[in-house]
Amino acid sequence: MGQIGPTHLLVVALVVLVVFGSKRLPDTARALGKSLRILKSEAAALKTEEPQPHQPQQQSQQAQPVQQLQHPQQAPEPVHQPPVSS
């Protein structure tokens, strides 16, 4: 249990063939291969990317805190209309 044998691979291949059909299978395999190549190249780029050393910021370069509004906007009060008499 837990090992993939040739019988399992054959069943998976048959299911894929039934689901995708023989006409769309080459295009699907080509797209899958292209996606895997992109994923592999991006993973390799992440491994080779050098981390940037953390440089402490000077006091003058720090971001200024956001100033709060002195008069926050208030929601408009609802307009009271007299009841309509018929």
C-alpha atoms as a PDB file:
ATOM      1  CA  MET A   1       0.000   0.000   0.000  1.00  0.00           C
ATOM      2  CA  GLY A   2       1.275   3.484  -0.774  1.00  0.00           C
ATOM      3  CA  GLN A   3       3.413   2.536  -3.783  1.00  0.00           C
ATOM      4  CA  ILE A   4       2.459   3.479  -7.321  1.00  0.00           C
ATOM      5  CA  GLY A   5       2.772   0.541  -9.646  1.00  0.00           C
ATOM      6  CA  PRO A   6       2.424   0.142 -13.405  1.00  0.00           C
ATOM      7  CA  THR A   7      -1.237  -0.800 -13.036  1.00  0.00           C
ATOM      8  CA  HIS A   8      -1.963   2.462 -11.222  1.00  0.00           C
ATOM      9  CA  LEU A   9      -0.195   4.471 -13.924  1.00  0.00           C
ATOM     10  CA  LEU A  10      -2.178   2.692 -16.644  1.00  0.00           C
ATOM     11  CA  VAL A  11      -5.464   3.470 -14.897  1.00  0.00           C
ATOM     12  CA  VAL A  12      -4.480   7.137 -14.498  1.00  0.00           C
ATOM     13  CA  ALA A  13      -3.496   7.319 -18.189  1.00  0.00           C
ATOM     14  CA  LEU A  14      -6.848   5.842 -19.235  1.00  0.00           C
ATOM     15  CA  VAL A  15      -8.776   8.283 -17.042  1.00  0.00           C
ATOM     16  CA  VAL A  16      -6.826  11.224 -18.478  1.00  0.00           C
ATOM     17  CA  LEU A  17      -7.482   9.977 -22.001  1.00  0.00           C
ATOM     18  CA  VAL A  18     -11.214   9.677 -21.320  1.00  0.00           C
ATOM     19  CA  VAL A  19     -11.463  13.063 -19.597  1.00  0.00           C
ATOM     20  CA  PHE A  20      -9.468  15.113 -22.100  1.00  0.00           C
ATOM     21  CA  GLY A  21     -10.005  13.101 -25.274  1.00  0.00           C
ATOM     22  CA  SER A  22      -7.406  12.154 -27.842  1.00  0.00           C
ATOM     23  CA  LYS A  23      -7.673  15.448 -29.744  1.00  0.00           C
ATOM     24  CA  ARG A  24      -7.015  17.759 -26.787  1.00  0.00           C
ATOM     25  CA  LEU A  25      -4.422  15.555 -25.072  1.00  0.00           C
ATOM     26  CA  PRO A  26      -1.333  16.844 -26.995  1.00  0.00           C
ATOM     27  CA  ASP A  27      -2.277  20.475 -26.352  1.00  0.00           C
ATOM     28  CA  THR A  28      -2.911  19.755 -22.685  1.00  0.00           C
ATOM     29  CA  ALA A  29       0.420  17.962 -22.303  1.00  0.00           C
ATOM     30  CA  ARG A  30       2.230  20.819 -24.056  1.00  0.00           C
ATOM     31  CA  ALA A  31       0.623  23.412 -21.751  1.00  0.00           C
ATOM     32  CA  LEU A  32       1.471  21.307 -18.692  1.00  0.00           C
ATOM     33  CA  GLY A  33       5.108  20.993 -19.795  1.00  0.00           C
ATOM     34  CA  LYS A  34       5.350  24.734 -20.402  1.00  0.00           C
ATOM     35  CA  SER A  35       3.891  25.471 -16.976  1.00  0.00           C
ATOM     36  CA  LEU A  36       6.328  23.097 -15.290  1.00  0.00           C
ATOM     37  CA  ARG A  37       9.278  24.721 -17.090  1.00  0.00           C
ATOM     38  CA  ILE A  38       8.172  28.171 -15.935  1.00  0.00           C
ATOM     39  CA  LEU A  39       7.724  26.922 -12.370  1.00  0.00           C
ATOM     40  CA  LYS A  40      11.162  25.295 -12.396  1.00  0.00           C
ATOM     41  CA  SER A  41      12.879  28.429 -13.726  1.00  0.00           C
ATOM     42  CA  GLU A  42      11.149  30.656 -11.172  1.00  0.00           C
ATOM     43  CA  ALA A  43      12.099  28.304  -8.324  1.00  0.00           C
ATOM     44  CA  ALA A  44      15.717  28.338  -9.504  1.00  0.00           C
ATOM     45  CA  ALA A  45      15.654  32.141  -9.683  1.00  0.00           C
ATOM     46  CA  LEU A  46      14.413  32.335  -6.095  1.00  0.00           C
ATOM     47  CA  LYS A  47      17.216  30.055  -4.912  1.00  0.00           C
ATOM     48  CA  THR A  48      19.932  32.067  -6.649  1.00  0.00           C
ATOM     49  CA  GLU A  49      18.507  35.444  -5.645  1.00  0.00           C
ATOM     50  CA  GLU A  50      20.729  37.040  -3.049  1.00  0.00           C
ATOM     51  CA  PRO A  51      18.918  38.452  -0.036  1.00  0.00           C
ATOM     52  CA  GLN A  52      19.327  42.192   0.377  1.00  0.00           C
ATOM     53  CA  PRO A  53      21.128  43.156   3.599  1.00  0.00           C
ATOM     54  CA  HIS A  54      18.879  45.051   5.985  1.00  0.00           C
ATOM     55  CA  GLN A  55      20.086  48.607   6.324  1.00  0.00           C
ATOM     56  CA  PRO A  56      18.747  50.642   9.238  1.00  0.00           C
ATOM     57  CA  GLN A  57      17.079  53.832   8.105  1.00  0.00           C
ATOM     58  CA  GLN A  58      18.283  57.176   9.322  1.00  0.00           C
ATOM     59  CA  GLN A  59      15.961  59.433  11.300  1.00  0.00           C
ATOM     60  CA  SER A  60      15.455  61.869   8.401  1.00  0.00           C
ATOM     61  CA  GLN A  61      14.504  59.114   5.936  1.00  0.00           C
ATOM     62  CA  GLN A  62      11.794  57.515   8.020  1.00  0.00           C
ATOM     63  CA  ALA A  63       8.255  57.844   6.813  1.00  0.00           C
ATOM     64  CA  GLN A  64       6.256  60.531   8.516  1.00  0.00           C
ATOM     65  CA  PRO A  65       3.192  59.328  10.423  1.00  0.00           C
ATOM     66  CA  VAL A  66      -0.141  59.925   8.775  1.00  0.00           C
ATOM     67  CA  GLN A  67      -1.887  62.939  10.218  1.00  0.00           C
ATOM     68  CA  GLN A  68      -5.372  62.326  11.489  1.00  0.00           C
ATOM     69  CA  LEU A  69      -8.219  64.459  10.288  1.00  0.00           C
ATOM     70  CA  GLN A  70      -9.110  67.220  12.668  1.00  0.00           C
ATOM     71  CA  HIS A  71     -12.759  67.187  11.647  1.00  0.00           C
ATOM     72  CA  PRO A  72     -13.845  63.748  10.492  1.00  0.00           C
ATOM     73  CA  GLN A  73     -16.736  63.682   8.086  1.00  0.00           C
ATOM     74  CA  GLN A  74     -20.054  63.011   9.662  1.00  0.00           C
ATOM     75  CA  ALA A  75     -22.838  61.108   7.990  1.00  0.00           C
ATOM     76  CA  PRO A  76     -25.638  63.389   6.787  1.00  0.00           C
ATOM     77  CA  GLU A  77     -28.651  63.412   9.035  1.00  0.00           C
ATOM     78  CA  PRO A  78     -31.723  61.689   7.615  1.00  0.00           C
ATOM     79  CA  VAL A  79     -34.413  63.926   6.216  1.00  0.00           C
ATOM     80  CA  HIS A  80     -37.730  63.532   8.040  1.00  0.00           C
ATOM     81  CA  GLN A  81     -40.709  63.667   5.715  1.00  0.00           C
ATOM     82  CA  PRO A  82     -44.254  64.102   6.953  1.00  0.00           C
ATOM     83  CA  PRO A  83     -46.575  61.150   6.373  1.00  0.00           C
ATOM     84  CA  VAL A  84     -48.557  61.298   3.169  1.00  0.00           C
ATOM     85  CA  SER A  85     -52.322  61.462   3.703  1.00  0.00           C
ATOM     86  CA  SER A  86     -54.653  60.177   1.036  1.00  0.00           C
END
